Protein backbone atom coordinates (compact mmCIF):
# COMPACT_ATOMS: atom_id res chain seq x y z
CA MET A 1 -6.40 -3.10 16.24
CA CYS A 2 -5.25 0.51 16.19
CA ILE A 3 -1.79 1.45 14.97
CA GLU A 4 -0.31 4.88 15.47
CA VAL A 5 2.25 5.90 12.99
CA VAL A 6 4.46 8.52 14.81
CA SER A 7 6.86 9.18 11.82
CA LEU A 8 6.95 8.26 8.20
CA ASP A 9 9.95 9.68 6.30
CA TYR A 10 9.92 9.73 2.51
CA PRO A 11 11.09 12.05 -0.39
CA LEU A 12 8.35 14.55 -0.93
CA SER A 13 8.49 14.06 -4.62
CA ASP A 14 8.02 10.27 -4.33
CA TYR A 15 5.30 10.03 -1.77
CA ARG A 16 2.39 7.67 -2.53
CA PRO A 17 -0.02 6.89 0.26
CA GLU A 18 -0.79 3.49 -1.42
CA VAL A 19 2.80 2.42 -0.77
CA ALA A 20 2.42 3.01 3.01
CA ALA A 21 -0.79 1.09 2.95
CA VAL A 22 0.75 -1.84 1.10
CA ALA A 23 3.77 -1.85 3.36
CA MET A 24 1.70 -1.76 6.51
CA ASP A 25 -0.49 -4.56 5.31
CA GLY A 26 2.55 -6.74 4.41
CA TRP A 27 4.04 -6.12 7.86
CA LEU A 28 0.86 -6.83 9.60
CA ARG A 29 0.39 -10.24 7.66
CA GLU A 30 3.97 -11.33 8.39
CA GLU A 31 4.09 -10.24 12.00
CA PHE A 32 0.84 -11.86 12.95
CA ASP A 33 0.75 -14.83 10.31
CA LEU A 34 -2.32 -13.53 8.68
CA PRO A 35 -3.58 -14.94 5.34
CA ASP A 36 -2.71 -13.06 2.06
CA VAL A 37 -5.86 -11.30 0.57
CA GLY A 38 -4.14 -10.21 -2.66
CA ILE A 39 -2.84 -6.82 -1.88
CA ALA A 40 0.22 -6.14 -3.85
CA CYS A 41 2.02 -3.51 -6.01
CA SER A 42 3.76 -4.06 -9.30
CA TYR A 43 5.96 -1.86 -11.56
CA SER A 44 4.71 -1.53 -15.20
CA GLY A 45 6.66 1.54 -16.49
CA GLY A 46 5.12 4.46 -18.25
CA ALA A 47 3.69 7.70 -16.91
CA ASP A 48 2.06 6.15 -13.78
CA PRO A 49 4.38 3.09 -13.39
CA TYR A 50 2.92 1.55 -10.17
CA VAL A 51 -0.04 -0.66 -10.33
CA PHE A 52 -1.87 -1.54 -7.10
CA ALA A 53 -4.09 -4.56 -6.53
CA TRP A 54 -6.30 -4.53 -3.45
CA GLY A 55 -7.46 -8.13 -3.74
CA THR A 56 -10.48 -8.88 -1.63
CA ALA A 57 -9.86 -5.76 0.54
CA GLU A 58 -11.30 -2.38 0.14
CA PRO A 59 -8.87 0.26 -1.22
CA PRO A 60 -7.63 2.40 1.77
CA PHE A 61 -7.72 5.65 -0.22
CA ARG A 62 -9.97 7.04 -2.93
CA GLY A 63 -8.43 9.09 -5.71
CA SER A 64 -7.60 9.06 -9.36
CA ARG A 65 -4.11 7.58 -8.94
CA LEU A 66 -5.48 4.32 -7.41
CA HIS A 67 -5.95 1.15 -9.48
């Protein structure tokens, strides 16, 4: 499957590529009735408040902000 994203609007100060990946994963799983593989995001507060879990999937991006 190939998905082309034509436009992704977001406040520049809030952009997190991981959020786009989690949102796309959720949409695909809902739209095509695919099983959950444990991809999720939770809010924990603090300096870097978002915690991403990639379950059995490989993280879509590499970087120091990914968990």
